[in-house]
Protein backbone atom coordinates (compact mmCIF):
# COMPACT_ATOMS: atom_id res chain seq x y z
CA MET A 1 0.00 0.00 0.00
CA ARG A 2 0.93 3.65 -0.38
CA VAL A 3 0.91 5.04 3.17
CA CYS A 4 1.23 8.68 4.25
CA LEU A 5 2.29 8.96 7.90
CA VAL A 6 1.55 12.35 9.50
CA ALA A 7 3.75 13.22 12.47
CA SER A 8 4.77 16.47 14.18
CA SER A 9 5.48 19.68 12.29
CA ARG A 10 7.63 20.75 15.28
CA TYR A 11 9.74 17.73 16.21
CA PRO A 12 11.85 15.65 13.80
CA VAL A 13 11.48 11.90 13.44
CA ARG A 14 15.12 11.13 14.10
CA GLU A 15 17.38 10.50 17.09
CA PRO A 16 17.54 11.68 19.76
CA PHE A 17 13.76 11.51 19.74
CA ALA A 18 11.78 14.29 21.39
CA GLY A 19 9.34 11.73 22.80
CA GLY A 20 7.51 8.47 22.34
CA LEU A 21 5.37 9.73 19.46
CA GLU A 22 8.44 10.41 17.31
CA SER A 23 10.06 7.12 18.29
CA LEU A 24 6.93 5.14 17.44
CA THR A 25 6.50 6.91 14.08
CA HIS A 26 10.12 6.11 13.21
CA HIS A 27 9.61 2.39 13.95
CA LEU A 28 6.35 2.33 12.00
CA ALA A 29 7.85 4.06 8.94
CA ARG A 30 10.91 1.80 8.89
CA LEU A 31 9.03 -1.46 9.34
CA LEU A 32 6.23 -0.62 6.90
CA ALA A 33 8.85 0.13 4.26
CA ALA A 34 10.69 -3.11 5.10
CA ARG A 35 7.44 -5.02 4.57
CA GLY A 36 7.09 -3.61 1.04
CA HIS A 37 4.85 -0.59 1.54
CA ASP A 38 5.52 2.76 -0.15
CA VAL A 39 5.83 5.17 2.80
CA THR A 40 5.74 8.98 2.86
CA LEU A 41 6.40 10.81 6.13
CA PHE A 42 5.22 14.32 6.98
CA ALA A 43 7.38 15.64 9.82
CA ALA A 44 9.57 18.57 10.81
CA GLY A 45 12.66 16.51 10.05
CA CYS A 46 13.43 12.95 9.03
CA ASP A 47 16.14 10.39 9.68
CA PRO A 48 18.03 10.31 6.36
CA HIS A 49 18.43 6.54 6.71
CA LEU A 50 14.67 5.93 6.72
CA PRO A 51 13.59 4.45 3.35
CA VAL A 52 10.71 6.91 2.98
CA ARG A 53 9.78 10.03 1.04
CA HIS A 54 9.93 13.04 3.36
CA LEU A 55 7.22 15.71 3.14
CA ARG A 56 8.55 18.85 4.82
CA PRO A 57 6.11 21.31 6.41
CA ASP A 58 5.55 24.32 4.21
CA PRO A 59 7.43 27.32 5.67
CA PHE A 60 5.37 30.35 6.59
CA VAL A 61 6.36 33.68 8.11
CA PRO A 62 3.47 36.05 8.87
CA THR A 63 4.01 39.73 8.30
CA PRO A 64 5.07 41.84 11.30
CA THR A 65 1.91 43.91 10.81
CA SER A 66 -0.38 40.87 11.23
CA MET A 67 1.49 39.65 14.30
CA ARG A 68 1.11 43.05 15.96
CA ASP A 69 -2.65 42.57 16.06
CA VAL A 70 -3.90 42.40 19.64
CA ASN A 71 -5.54 39.03 18.92
CA ALA A 72 -2.58 37.48 17.09
CA PRO A 73 -1.61 33.99 18.32
CA SER A 74 1.99 32.99 18.93
CA LEU A 75 4.35 32.48 16.01
CA GLU A 76 4.62 28.80 16.99
CA TRP A 77 0.84 28.41 16.77
CA MET A 78 0.72 30.09 13.37
CA THR A 79 3.58 27.97 12.03
CA GLU A 80 1.86 24.72 13.06
CA HIS A 81 -1.50 25.91 11.75
CA HIS A 82 -0.04 26.75 8.35
CA ALA A 83 1.89 23.47 8.11
CA TYR A 84 -1.15 21.26 8.70
CA LEU A 85 -3.49 23.45 6.65
CA ASP A 86 -1.13 23.21 3.67
CA LEU A 87 -0.79 19.44 4.15
CA MET A 88 -4.52 18.76 4.36
CA LEU A 89 -5.43 21.00 1.42
CA GLY A 90 -2.79 19.18 -0.64
CA LEU A 91 -4.20 15.79 0.37
CA ALA A 92 -7.71 17.00 -0.48
CA ARG A 93 -6.53 18.02 -3.98
CA ASP A 94 -4.51 14.98 -5.04
CA GLY A 95 -4.25 12.56 -2.13
CA ALA A 96 -5.92 9.76 -4.11
CA GLU A 97 -3.23 10.00 -6.79
CA GLN A 98 -0.46 9.47 -4.24
CA PHE A 99 -1.79 7.41 -1.33
CA ASP A 100 -4.10 4.57 -0.35
CA VAL A 101 -4.33 5.56 3.32
CA VAL A 102 -3.31 8.51 5.51
CA HIS A 103 -2.24 7.59 9.05
CA ASN A 104 -2.27 10.61 11.34
CA HIS A 105 -0.11 10.60 14.49
CA SER A 106 -0.11 14.35 15.09
CA LEU A 107 -1.73 16.10 18.04
CA HIS A 108 -3.11 18.86 15.82
CA HIS A 109 -6.82 19.35 15.14
CA LEU A 110 -6.70 20.01 11.38
CA PRO A 111 -5.90 16.44 10.22
CA VAL A 112 -9.03 15.35 12.10
CA ALA A 113 -11.29 18.27 11.19
CA MET A 114 -10.38 18.09 7.48
CA ALA A 115 -10.29 14.30 7.13
CA GLY A 116 -13.61 14.31 5.29
CA ALA A 117 -12.08 16.38 2.46
CA VAL A 118 -9.39 13.75 1.79
CA PRO A 119 -10.41 11.22 -0.93
CA VAL A 120 -8.69 8.26 0.79
CA PRO A 121 -9.26 6.78 4.28
CA VAL A 122 -7.76 8.74 7.18
CA LEU A 123 -6.76 6.85 10.32
CA THR A 124 -5.87 8.80 13.47
CA THR A 125 -3.96 7.19 16.32
CA LEU A 126 -4.65 8.67 19.75
CA HIS A 127 -1.39 9.09 21.68
CA THR A 128 -2.70 11.03 24.69
CA PRO A 129 -5.64 11.29 27.06
CA PRO A 130 -8.49 13.42 25.66
CA LEU A 131 -7.49 16.81 24.24
CA PRO A 132 -10.22 19.46 23.85
CA TRP A 133 -9.13 20.59 20.37
CA ILE A 134 -9.21 17.01 19.08
CA GLU A 135 -12.61 16.46 20.70
CA SER A 136 -13.83 19.60 18.91
CA ALA A 137 -12.46 18.43 15.55
CA ALA A 138 -14.04 15.00 15.97
CA ALA A 139 -17.38 16.64 16.84
CA VAL A 140 -17.47 18.77 13.67
CA ALA A 141 -16.30 15.89 11.43
CA PRO A 142 -18.10 12.80 12.74
CA GLY A 143 -17.21 9.66 10.84
CA ALA A 144 -14.54 11.38 8.74
CA SER A 145 -11.64 9.63 10.47
CA SER A 146 -11.15 6.13 11.79
CA TRP A 147 -9.45 5.77 15.15
CA THR A 148 -6.92 3.63 16.96
CA ALA A 149 -5.39 4.21 20.40
CA VAL A 150 -1.99 3.27 21.76
CA SER A 151 -3.53 1.28 24.63
CA ARG A 152 -6.82 0.02 25.95
CA ALA A 153 -6.64 2.62 28.72
CA THR A 154 -6.33 5.43 26.17
CA ALA A 155 -9.21 4.04 24.11
CA GLU A 156 -11.36 3.91 27.25
CA ALA A 157 -10.42 7.49 28.18
CA TRP A 158 -11.75 8.69 24.80
CA ALA A 159 -14.85 6.47 24.88
CA GLY A 160 -17.21 9.34 25.70
CA THR A 161 -16.17 11.11 22.50
CA LEU A 162 -15.31 8.41 19.93
CA THR A 163 -14.63 4.72 19.48
CA ALA A 164 -10.99 3.69 18.99
CA THR A 165 -9.45 0.27 18.39
CA PRO A 166 -6.48 -0.37 20.71
CA VAL A 167 -3.21 -1.09 18.91
CA LEU A 168 -0.58 -1.18 21.63
CA ASN A 169 2.73 0.52 20.89
CA GLY A 170 5.78 -1.58 20.27
CA VAL A 171 9.56 -1.31 20.50
CA ASP A 172 12.35 -2.65 18.34
CA VAL A 173 13.41 -5.67 20.38
CA ASP A 174 16.45 -6.12 18.11
CA ALA A 175 17.73 -2.64 19.03
CA TRP A 176 16.92 -2.89 22.75
CA ARG A 177 19.08 -5.88 23.65
CA PRO A 178 19.11 -7.74 27.00
CA GLY A 179 21.94 -7.12 29.40
CA PRO A 180 23.24 -8.35 32.75
CA GLY A 181 21.61 -5.78 35.02
CA GLY A 182 23.02 -5.29 38.50
CA GLY A 183 23.63 -1.57 38.07
CA PRO A 184 21.78 1.47 39.41
CA VAL A 185 18.10 2.18 39.13
CA VAL A 186 17.41 4.06 35.88
CA TRP A 187 14.75 6.60 34.90
CA THR A 188 14.38 7.71 31.25
CA GLY A 189 12.00 10.06 29.50
CA ARG A 190 11.08 13.68 28.94
CA LEU A 191 12.03 15.92 31.86
CA VAL A 192 8.60 17.45 32.46
CA PRO A 193 6.29 17.69 35.48
CA GLU A 194 3.81 15.05 34.28
CA LYS A 195 6.61 12.46 34.08
CA ALA A 196 7.79 13.40 37.62
CA PRO A 197 11.43 12.29 37.59
CA HIS A 198 11.85 14.06 40.95
CA LEU A 199 9.61 11.40 42.52
CA ALA A 200 11.82 8.71 40.99
CA VAL A 201 14.79 10.23 42.82
CA ASP A 202 12.80 10.27 46.06
CA ALA A 203 11.76 6.62 45.67
CA ALA A 204 15.24 5.38 44.77
CA ARG A 205 16.73 7.26 47.71
CA ALA A 206 14.08 5.79 50.04
CA ALA A 207 15.06 2.35 48.78
CA GLY A 208 18.73 3.09 49.42
CA ARG A 209 19.62 2.78 45.73
CA GLU A 210 21.63 4.88 43.31
CA ILE A 211 19.63 6.32 40.40
CA VAL A 212 20.69 7.57 36.97
CA LEU A 213 18.31 9.71 34.88
CA ALA A 214 18.39 10.49 31.15
CA GLY A 215 16.16 12.53 28.87
CA PRO A 216 15.56 15.84 27.14
CA VAL A 217 14.82 18.94 29.22
CA GLN A 218 11.43 20.15 27.96
CA ASP A 219 10.55 22.23 31.03
CA ALA A 220 13.66 24.02 32.28
CA ALA A 221 11.85 25.73 35.16
CA TYR A 222 10.56 22.41 36.50
CA VAL A 223 14.01 20.82 36.26
CA ALA A 224 15.62 23.77 38.07
CA GLU A 225 13.01 23.87 40.83
CA GLU A 226 12.21 20.20 41.47
CA LEU A 227 14.87 17.93 39.98
CA ALA A 228 18.20 19.75 40.18
CA PRO A 229 18.07 20.25 43.99
CA ARG A 230 17.62 16.48 44.44
CA LEU A 231 20.69 15.50 42.38
CA GLY A 232 23.86 14.36 44.10
CA ALA A 233 26.31 11.50 44.36
CA ASP A 234 23.48 8.95 44.40
CA ALA A 235 21.32 10.67 41.76
CA ARG A 236 22.91 11.72 38.46
CA LEU A 237 21.43 13.28 35.30
CA LEU A 238 23.14 12.19 32.08
CA GLY A 239 21.26 14.40 29.61
CA HIS A 240 19.56 13.55 26.32
CA LEU A 241 20.96 10.24 25.00
CA ASP A 242 20.46 8.49 21.67
CA HIS A 243 18.85 5.05 21.57
CA ALA A 244 22.10 3.10 21.48
CA SER A 245 23.35 4.84 24.63
CA LEU A 246 19.99 4.41 26.35
CA ALA A 247 19.94 0.72 25.46
CA ARG A 248 23.37 0.21 27.03
CA LEU A 249 22.25 2.13 30.13
CA LEU A 250 19.05 0.10 30.51
CA ALA A 251 20.79 -3.21 29.89
CA ARG A 252 23.02 -2.53 32.92
CA ALA A 253 20.21 -1.24 35.14
CA SER A 254 18.83 -3.29 38.01
CA VAL A 255 15.35 -1.71 37.76
CA ALA A 256 13.73 0.92 35.55
CA LEU A 257 11.48 3.47 37.27
CA VAL A 258 8.41 4.99 35.59
CA THR A 259 6.70 7.75 37.59
CA PRO A 260 3.83 9.43 35.72
CA VAL A 261 1.55 11.80 37.60
CA TRP A 262 -0.87 11.83 34.65
CA GLU A 263 -2.77 8.97 33.06
CA GLU A 264 0.10 7.43 31.07
CA PRO A 265 -1.19 6.69 27.54
CA TYR A 266 1.14 3.71 27.06
CA GLY A 267 4.55 3.80 28.75
CA LEU A 268 7.06 3.31 25.95
CA VAL A 269 10.01 3.72 28.33
CA ALA A 270 8.76 0.72 30.30
CA ALA A 271 8.62 -1.41 27.16
CA GLU A 272 12.12 -0.31 26.16
CA ALA A 273 13.50 -1.29 29.56
CA MET A 274 11.76 -4.65 29.48
CA ALA A 275 13.18 -5.40 26.03
CA CYS A 276 16.58 -5.04 27.74
CA GLY A 277 15.48 -7.58 30.33
CA THR A 278 15.20 -4.88 32.99
CA PRO A 279 12.16 -5.15 35.28
CA VAL A 280 10.04 -2.06 35.93
CA ALA A 281 8.75 -0.41 39.09
CA ALA A 282 6.05 2.12 38.25
CA PHE A 283 3.09 4.10 39.48
CA ASP A 284 -0.14 2.33 38.50
CA ARG A 285 -1.50 4.96 36.14
CA GLY A 286 -3.13 4.73 32.73
CA ALA A 287 -1.86 1.92 30.53
CA LEU A 288 1.13 0.83 32.61
CA ARG A 289 -0.72 -2.22 33.93
CA GLU A 290 -1.09 -3.34 30.28
CA VAL A 291 2.71 -3.23 29.88
CA VAL A 292 4.02 -4.23 33.32
CA VAL A 293 2.38 -7.58 33.96
CA PRO A 294 3.08 -9.95 36.89
CA GLY A 295 6.60 -11.34 36.75
CA THR A 296 8.00 -8.35 34.83
CA GLY A 297 8.01 -5.73 37.57
CA ALA A 298 5.82 -4.18 40.24
CA LEU A 299 3.20 -1.42 40.33
CA ALA A 300 2.67 0.99 43.21
CA PRO A 301 -0.41 3.12 43.94
CA ALA A 302 -0.31 6.42 42.08
CA ASP A 303 1.89 9.10 43.70
CA ASP A 304 2.85 6.83 46.63
CA VAL A 305 6.64 7.25 46.87
CA ALA A 306 7.03 4.89 49.84
CA ALA A 307 5.14 2.14 48.00
CA LEU A 308 7.25 2.76 44.89
CA ALA A 309 10.41 2.28 46.96
CA GLU A 310 9.04 -1.11 48.01
CA ALA A 311 8.13 -1.89 44.40
CA ILE A 312 11.78 -1.35 43.41
CA GLU A 313 12.80 -4.24 45.67
CA VAL A 314 10.02 -6.48 44.32
CA ALA A 315 10.95 -5.69 40.72
CA ALA A 316 14.64 -6.32 41.36
CA ARG A 317 13.83 -9.96 42.17
CA CYS A 318 12.16 -10.60 38.78
CA ASP A 319 13.84 -12.99 36.35
CA ARG A 320 15.44 -10.92 33.57
CA GLY A 321 14.97 -13.70 31.03
CA GLU A 322 11.23 -13.74 31.68
CA VAL A 323 11.07 -9.95 31.38
CA ARG A 324 12.79 -10.10 27.99
CA ALA A 325 10.57 -12.97 26.83
CA HIS A 326 7.44 -10.95 27.64
CA ALA A 327 8.79 -8.02 25.59
CA GLU A 328 9.44 -10.31 22.62
CA ARG A 329 5.95 -11.84 22.84
CA SER A 330 3.82 -8.78 23.51
CA LEU A 331 5.72 -5.51 23.20
CA SER A 332 7.49 -5.73 19.84
CA ALA A 333 7.21 -3.22 17.00
CA GLU A 334 6.75 -6.13 14.58
CA ARG A 335 3.55 -7.10 16.39
CA MET A 336 2.39 -3.47 16.32
CA VAL A 337 3.01 -3.11 12.56
CA ARG A 338 1.12 -6.33 11.77
CA GLU A 339 -1.87 -5.00 13.69
CA TYR A 340 -1.73 -1.67 11.84
CA GLU A 341 -1.55 -3.51 8.53
CA ALA A 342 -4.75 -5.31 9.49
CA VAL A 343 -6.42 -1.97 10.28
CA TYR A 344 -5.28 -0.54 6.93
CA ALA A 345 -6.63 -3.59 5.12
CA GLY A 346 -10.05 -2.98 6.68
CA LEU A 347 -10.07 0.61 5.43
CA VAL A 348 -8.59 0.32 1.95
CA PRO A 349 -10.52 -1.27 -0.95
CA GLN A 350 -8.96 -4.58 -1.93
CA GLU A 351 -7.96 -3.45 -5.41
CA HIS A 352 -5.76 -0.74 -3.82
CA ALA A 353 -4.44 -2.97 -1.03
CA ALA A 354 -3.15 -5.42 -3.61
């Protein structure tokens, strides 16, 4: 099939990834192409090694006069608006000549609101709990888009607005290789309040364990106020690492900590750790119970740091071989891509799918 993947007009789909959405889109593009599909990727930037055609967002610079208007939005808002408006108008004009299906992974409202104008099926994957601008777009364009969600928990969170088929995220189990463990506790992810790495430091310290953290700073004020004061000899921040460096770090870790203080849509960092054979101790929020099953780690009540410290010790006793085996069975990107292919096949007429 000819597949157009729509990602972020702000963040590139290349390492080091800004977040799980970009990582997932990279895996999906690479594996779809490897399975013989013709893939086009709309994103701010693209890994040059991906075997895809890259659609770059159309540049737009509003005039200084227009931006001086008292009601003018931010330049960032205008840039995103123009990028997705240009994309969707182009797909409405000649999308049928280029593609069999459009698979939207963006968090912008226009791919949903304008899906009905596109002459091929549009599938939108929900990567977050409900967002008001997506709810609005779905309300004004009912039935225009089909829906999947990255977990059952995310599908259930959107159930009052729309019906989504769960297709759980997956990780490249060939890239995230098992290791011996025995090292410090590790926390990875975006350094933002909703991921709460400061609580990971508190829990590791309560358990008497060293912790190493890695990830991009996306909220500098939060890091300065909550995380930096907690760092020390037993709690180190390594910065934003590429996947190879993260895989080596996780393969040596004794336990991976996941500490969301929001309803985690999936928990890609947990799956990455488990592919390395590293068990997970996590707050029981959102979809994490779909990823961290008995024998692969331990869940603690949401926001309970003392219980999370106890969960670290429980997780550390898990068999690393069993953790890796679960990742291979249930958390692989290959499994995810096969499920998306099945969704595409249900949307695309057979003469095009062939």
